[in-house]
Amino acid sequence: MKRAITYEITEKHHNKTIQQFLKDTGYSHAVIVQLKKTEEGILKNGIWSYVNDKLSAGDTLHVHWKEESLSDNIVPVDLPFHVVYEDEDILVVNKPANMPIHPSMNNYDNTLANAAMYYFQQKGESFTYRCINRLDRDTSGLTILAKNMLSGGILAKHSGLREIKREYVAIVSGNTPAAGTIDVPIARLDGSTIERCVDFEKGEHAVTHYWKLAYDAEKNLSLIRLKLETGRTHQIRVHMKYAGFPLIGDFLYNPDYRYIQRQALHSVALTFVHPITGEEMHFEAPLPADMASSFTCD
């Protein structure tokens, strides 16, 4: 995967070194090392330059690199791969339910990674798989893939700082209040490698906001939208069960399969700053068919 970017230097970075500028712009040590190794990887006003060279306002800085390390261990497989948005740096994908994010011992060829590798193979492009916001296997909806090491590093930092805003839609049992906030800590359940629980002694801080979109009186189900302040494992599933409104179809926390065969949870919206352009990006994905058919709005 090749990438080239041109910057116009402003007064903000006047008299700073190229390395200082790159670090300020979000370049990691690994990316800077890659630029150093690339022939004419750094050009100042068209001249091959060192990272310790000084910049002046009005300079043009052009950088380019080619990634050599690829995800060769991931098998390309023709699987559903619904691209919502794509440019040189990122992909936003609407992941279907029943698709893990990463390959594992029991999921070798049925993951989003396999689908992504096939997608780029068909385009004739090399690709290193980097998924930024992970979703559970049975959670559908929007997720971000980074197409190069620079965008991946910047987005990973944004994610760690909770600067990627995520919203979900869920179908839960019962008639919820019009809106609510659940602020209780979550920890791993003793004796389990997967299940989580509310634990006021050992749990990590977790906050979930929700509001009701509709109520199905016949089935006693609520359609709710949720916004997370934190990103704990199984946060929505654990919090809504704790509040008395568990997600339907959830094999761990509420195995009620009358209306749907998987946890009724969908990543409906993502808002984040583009890692290269700085533009604010916002995407929404419609409710998937299985969730739409399991709920009847009045």
Protein backbone atom coordinates (compact mmCIF):
# COMPACT_ATOMS: atom_id res chain seq x y z
CA MET A 1 0.00 0.00 0.00
CA LYS A 2 1.48 3.32 -1.10
CA ARG A 3 0.64 6.71 0.34
CA ALA A 4 1.82 10.24 -0.51
CA ILE A 5 0.85 13.47 1.29
CA THR A 6 1.79 17.10 0.66
CA TYR A 7 1.78 19.77 3.39
CA GLU A 8 2.06 23.55 3.16
CA ILE A 9 4.07 24.80 6.14
CA THR A 10 2.57 27.68 8.11
CA GLU A 11 3.96 30.07 10.71
CA LYS A 12 3.02 27.55 13.41
CA HIS A 13 5.88 25.30 12.34
CA HIS A 14 8.33 27.95 11.16
CA ASN A 15 11.89 27.09 12.24
CA LYS A 16 10.86 23.65 13.51
CA THR A 17 12.55 20.51 12.23
CA ILE A 18 10.79 18.18 9.83
CA GLN A 19 10.72 15.58 12.59
CA GLN A 20 9.01 17.99 14.99
CA PHE A 21 6.42 18.82 12.34
CA LEU A 22 5.75 15.16 11.62
CA LYS A 23 5.35 14.32 15.31
CA ASP A 24 3.01 17.29 15.79
CA THR A 25 0.96 16.06 12.83
CA GLY A 26 0.54 12.58 14.36
CA TYR A 27 3.33 10.58 12.77
CA SER A 28 4.53 7.79 15.03
CA HIS A 29 8.16 6.78 15.41
CA ALA A 30 7.51 3.74 13.20
CA VAL A 31 6.14 5.86 10.34
CA ILE A 32 9.03 8.32 10.56
CA VAL A 33 11.50 5.43 10.42
CA GLN A 34 9.70 4.14 7.33
CA LEU A 35 10.01 7.58 5.70
CA LYS A 36 13.75 7.64 6.43
CA LYS A 37 14.15 4.26 4.72
CA THR A 38 12.19 5.34 1.63
CA GLU A 39 14.13 6.84 -1.25
CA GLU A 40 13.00 10.46 -1.54
CA GLY A 41 10.49 9.69 1.22
CA ILE A 42 10.78 13.27 2.50
CA LEU A 43 11.00 16.14 0.03
CA LYS A 44 11.24 19.79 1.15
CA ASN A 45 10.48 22.07 -1.78
CA GLY A 46 11.24 19.14 -4.06
CA ILE A 47 14.62 18.30 -2.49
CA TRP A 48 15.27 15.05 -0.62
CA SER A 49 15.72 16.11 3.00
CA TYR A 50 16.68 14.83 6.45
CA VAL A 51 14.28 14.85 9.40
CA ASN A 52 16.57 17.27 11.26
CA ASP A 53 16.32 19.88 8.50
CA LYS A 54 14.54 23.08 9.52
CA LEU A 55 11.27 24.26 7.97
CA SER A 56 10.20 27.77 7.06
CA ALA A 57 6.71 29.19 6.61
CA GLY A 58 5.75 28.77 2.96
CA ASP A 59 7.74 25.56 2.46
CA THR A 60 6.11 22.58 0.77
CA LEU A 61 6.75 19.24 2.44
CA HIS A 62 5.99 16.08 0.47
CA VAL A 63 6.16 12.67 2.14
CA HIS A 64 5.54 9.23 0.71
CA TRP A 65 6.12 5.65 1.75
CA LYS A 66 5.22 2.11 0.83
CA GLU A 67 4.25 -0.43 3.46
CA GLU A 68 6.15 -3.68 3.11
CA SER A 69 4.56 -5.67 5.96
CA LEU A 70 1.23 -7.12 4.86
CA SER A 71 -1.42 -9.36 6.48
CA ASP A 72 -0.33 -12.41 4.50
CA ASN A 73 -1.54 -14.75 7.24
CA ILE A 74 -5.18 -13.74 6.67
CA VAL A 75 -6.94 -15.81 4.00
CA PRO A 76 -8.93 -13.75 1.44
CA VAL A 77 -12.55 -14.98 1.43
CA ASP A 78 -15.52 -13.67 -0.56
CA LEU A 79 -17.83 -12.58 2.28
CA PRO A 80 -20.31 -9.70 2.66
CA PHE A 81 -18.30 -6.47 2.83
CA HIS A 82 -20.53 -3.42 2.78
CA VAL A 83 -18.37 -0.31 2.25
CA VAL A 84 -20.06 2.87 3.46
CA TYR A 85 -17.12 5.18 2.74
CA GLU A 86 -13.59 4.84 1.39
CA ASP A 87 -10.67 7.15 0.62
CA GLU A 88 -6.88 6.76 0.60
CA ASP A 89 -6.68 6.46 4.37
CA ILE A 90 -9.81 4.85 5.81
CA LEU A 91 -12.74 2.56 5.14
CA VAL A 92 -16.01 2.69 7.03
CA VAL A 93 -17.75 -0.68 6.80
CA ASN A 94 -21.23 -1.83 7.81
CA LYS A 95 -20.42 -5.21 9.39
CA PRO A 96 -23.12 -7.89 9.25
CA ALA A 97 -24.06 -9.90 12.32
CA ASN A 98 -22.46 -13.30 12.91
CA MET A 99 -19.08 -12.08 11.65
CA PRO A 100 -16.09 -11.86 14.01
CA ILE A 101 -13.72 -8.93 13.61
CA HIS A 102 -10.49 -10.97 13.73
CA PRO A 103 -9.50 -14.55 12.87
CA SER A 104 -9.07 -16.91 15.79
CA MET A 105 -8.69 -20.63 16.41
CA ASN A 106 -12.34 -21.37 15.58
CA ASN A 107 -12.82 -18.51 13.14
CA TYR A 108 -10.20 -18.90 10.46
CA ASP A 109 -12.05 -17.87 7.33
CA ASN A 110 -15.33 -16.19 8.34
CA THR A 111 -14.21 -12.82 9.69
CA LEU A 112 -14.25 -9.18 8.66
CA ALA A 113 -10.49 -9.49 8.16
CA ASN A 114 -10.99 -12.26 5.58
CA ALA A 115 -13.59 -10.15 3.77
CA ALA A 116 -11.30 -7.10 3.76
CA MET A 117 -8.37 -9.08 2.36
CA TYR A 118 -10.57 -10.42 -0.46
CA TYR A 119 -11.87 -6.92 -1.21
CA PHE A 120 -8.37 -5.52 -1.67
CA GLN A 121 -7.17 -8.61 -3.53
CA GLN A 122 -9.89 -8.01 -6.11
CA LYS A 123 -8.72 -4.38 -6.42
CA GLY A 124 -5.14 -5.54 -6.92
CA GLU A 125 -3.98 -3.67 -3.81
CA SER A 126 -1.84 -4.89 -0.93
CA PHE A 127 -3.36 -4.36 2.51
CA THR A 128 -2.50 -4.58 6.20
CA TYR A 129 -5.59 -5.20 8.32
CA ARG A 130 -6.20 -2.61 11.04
CA CYS A 131 -9.64 -2.47 12.67
CA ILE A 132 -10.08 0.60 14.89
CA ASN A 133 -13.38 0.16 16.76
CA ARG A 134 -14.12 -3.48 17.44
CA LEU A 135 -17.60 -4.97 17.56
CA ASP A 136 -18.75 -8.25 19.07
CA ARG A 137 -19.34 -11.07 16.59
CA ASP A 138 -23.12 -10.73 16.74
CA THR A 139 -23.21 -6.93 16.84
CA SER A 140 -23.84 -5.46 13.41
CA GLY A 141 -23.02 -2.00 12.14
CA LEU A 142 -20.34 0.58 11.52
CA THR A 143 -16.65 0.03 12.09
CA ILE A 144 -13.51 1.78 10.83
CA LEU A 145 -10.58 0.16 9.02
CA ALA A 146 -7.34 2.07 8.57
CA LYS A 147 -5.67 1.66 5.17
CA ASN A 148 -2.16 2.69 6.18
CA MET A 149 0.10 2.86 9.23
CA LEU A 150 -0.27 6.63 9.63
CA SER A 151 -4.07 6.70 9.67
CA GLY A 152 -4.09 3.57 11.83
CA GLY A 153 -1.81 5.10 14.46
CA ILE A 154 -3.70 8.39 14.62
CA LEU A 155 -7.12 6.71 14.81
CA ALA A 156 -5.92 4.29 17.48
CA LYS A 157 -4.82 7.29 19.55
CA HIS A 158 -8.19 8.99 18.98
CA SER A 159 -9.94 5.80 20.06
CA GLY A 160 -7.86 5.56 23.22
CA LEU A 161 -8.75 9.16 24.05
CA ARG A 162 -12.45 8.40 23.38
CA GLU A 163 -12.53 10.88 20.53
CA ILE A 164 -14.37 8.46 18.26
CA LYS A 165 -18.05 8.90 19.19
CA ARG A 166 -20.22 5.81 18.80
CA GLU A 167 -23.96 5.36 18.98
CA TYR A 168 -25.95 2.14 18.93
CA VAL A 169 -29.52 0.98 18.50
CA ALA A 170 -30.80 -1.96 20.54
CA ILE A 171 -34.03 -3.84 21.16
CA VAL A 172 -34.58 -4.63 24.83
CA SER A 173 -37.18 -6.41 26.90
CA GLY A 174 -39.69 -4.19 28.70
CA ASN A 175 -40.87 -0.61 28.48
CA THR A 176 -37.91 1.64 29.29
CA PRO A 177 -38.13 5.20 30.58
CA ALA A 178 -38.00 7.91 27.93
CA ALA A 179 -34.28 8.34 28.65
CA GLY A 180 -31.73 7.31 31.23
CA THR A 181 -28.09 7.07 32.23
CA ILE A 182 -26.47 3.96 33.69
CA ASP A 183 -23.29 4.72 35.64
CA VAL A 184 -22.08 1.51 37.27
CA PRO A 185 -18.68 -0.25 37.06
CA ILE A 186 -18.10 -3.41 35.03
CA ALA A 187 -15.69 -6.28 35.69
CA ARG A 188 -15.02 -9.79 34.43
CA LEU A 189 -17.31 -12.34 36.10
CA ASP A 190 -15.33 -14.60 38.43
CA GLY A 191 -14.68 -17.96 36.83
CA SER A 192 -15.51 -16.80 33.29
CA THR A 193 -13.18 -15.72 30.49
CA ILE A 194 -16.02 -14.07 28.54
CA GLU A 195 -18.87 -12.91 30.73
CA ARG A 196 -18.92 -9.52 32.43
CA CYS A 197 -20.96 -8.20 35.35
CA VAL A 198 -21.60 -5.12 37.44
CA ASP A 199 -19.03 -5.11 40.25
CA PHE A 200 -18.86 -2.12 42.59
CA GLU A 201 -15.58 -3.29 44.19
CA LYS A 202 -13.41 -4.46 41.28
CA GLY A 203 -15.20 -2.99 38.28
CA GLU A 204 -13.98 -0.27 35.89
CA HIS A 205 -15.88 2.98 35.44
CA ALA A 206 -18.59 2.66 32.76
CA VAL A 207 -21.30 5.09 31.65
CA THR A 208 -24.10 4.46 29.13
CA HIS A 209 -26.75 6.98 28.05
CA TYR A 210 -29.92 5.84 26.30
CA TRP A 211 -33.22 7.18 25.04
CA LYS A 212 -36.32 5.38 23.81
CA LEU A 213 -37.23 5.58 20.14
CA ALA A 214 -40.37 3.40 20.17
CA TYR A 215 -42.27 0.80 22.17
CA ASP A 216 -43.85 -2.43 20.89
CA ALA A 217 -46.72 -3.00 23.33
CA GLU A 218 -47.70 -6.37 21.87
CA LYS A 219 -44.23 -7.85 22.39
CA ASN A 220 -43.28 -5.62 25.35
CA LEU A 221 -40.09 -4.49 23.63
CA SER A 222 -38.38 -1.10 23.47
CA LEU A 223 -36.28 0.22 20.61
CA ILE A 224 -33.58 2.41 22.15
CA ARG A 225 -30.60 4.45 20.97
CA LEU A 226 -27.47 4.53 23.12
CA LYS A 227 -24.37 6.67 23.46
CA LEU A 228 -21.28 5.46 25.30
CA GLU A 229 -18.93 7.54 27.42
CA THR A 230 -16.70 4.54 27.98
CA GLY A 231 -15.96 1.42 25.97
CA ARG A 232 -15.96 -1.55 28.33
CA THR A 233 -16.37 -5.07 27.00
CA HIS A 234 -20.11 -5.96 26.74
CA GLN A 235 -20.94 -2.57 28.27
CA ILE A 236 -24.36 -2.10 26.68
CA ARG A 237 -25.38 -5.70 27.25
CA VAL A 238 -24.36 -5.68 30.93
CA HIS A 239 -25.73 -2.21 31.69
CA MET A 240 -29.13 -2.81 30.13
CA LYS A 241 -29.50 -6.13 31.96
CA TYR A 242 -28.58 -4.39 35.21
CA ALA A 243 -31.22 -1.73 34.52
CA GLY A 244 -33.85 -4.44 34.06
CA PHE A 245 -34.09 -4.15 30.26
CA PRO A 246 -31.84 -6.86 28.78
CA LEU A 247 -31.20 -7.09 25.05
CA ILE A 248 -33.23 -9.79 23.34
CA GLY A 249 -31.39 -12.66 21.64
CA ASP A 250 -28.32 -12.27 23.86
CA PHE A 251 -26.90 -15.75 24.44
CA LEU A 252 -24.87 -14.65 27.47
CA TYR A 253 -27.18 -12.29 29.32
CA ASN A 254 -30.72 -12.94 28.04
CA PRO A 255 -31.13 -15.98 25.74
CA ASP A 256 -34.61 -14.99 24.55
CA TYR A 257 -34.71 -16.04 20.88
CA ARG A 258 -38.43 -15.58 20.22
CA TYR A 259 -37.90 -12.59 17.94
CA ILE A 260 -34.25 -12.66 16.85
CA GLN A 261 -31.41 -15.19 16.82
CA ARG A 262 -28.62 -12.87 17.98
CA GLN A 263 -28.18 -9.97 20.39
CA ALA A 264 -30.30 -7.14 19.01
CA LEU A 265 -27.52 -4.56 18.89
CA HIS A 266 -26.42 -2.41 15.96
CA SER A 267 -23.63 0.20 15.68
CA VAL A 268 -25.77 2.87 14.03
CA ALA A 269 -23.55 5.97 14.02
CA LEU A 270 -19.89 7.00 14.08
CA THR A 271 -18.49 10.51 14.41
CA PHE A 272 -14.76 11.17 14.31
CA VAL A 273 -12.09 13.49 12.94
CA HIS A 274 -10.43 12.26 9.76
CA PRO A 275 -6.85 11.27 10.69
CA ILE A 276 -5.23 13.06 7.74
CA THR A 277 -7.52 15.88 6.59
CA GLY A 278 -8.85 16.88 10.03
CA GLU A 279 -12.39 16.96 8.63
CA GLU A 280 -15.22 15.87 10.90
CA MET A 281 -16.77 12.67 9.56
CA HIS A 282 -20.23 11.33 10.42
CA PHE A 283 -21.86 8.12 9.21
CA GLU A 284 -25.09 6.28 9.96
CA ALA A 285 -26.20 2.78 9.00
CA PRO A 286 -29.85 1.70 8.72
CA LEU A 287 -31.36 -0.87 11.05
CA PRO A 288 -30.59 -4.37 9.71
CA ALA A 289 -33.46 -6.53 8.47
CA ASP A 290 -33.48 -9.01 11.35
CA MET A 291 -33.81 -6.24 13.94
CA ALA A 292 -36.40 -4.32 11.89
CA SER A 293 -38.58 -7.42 11.48
CA SER A 294 -38.47 -8.29 15.19
CA PHE A 295 -39.97 -4.98 16.30
CA THR A 296 -43.28 -3.35 15.36
CA CYS A 297 -43.64 0.38 15.87
CA ASP A 298 -47.07 1.72 16.76
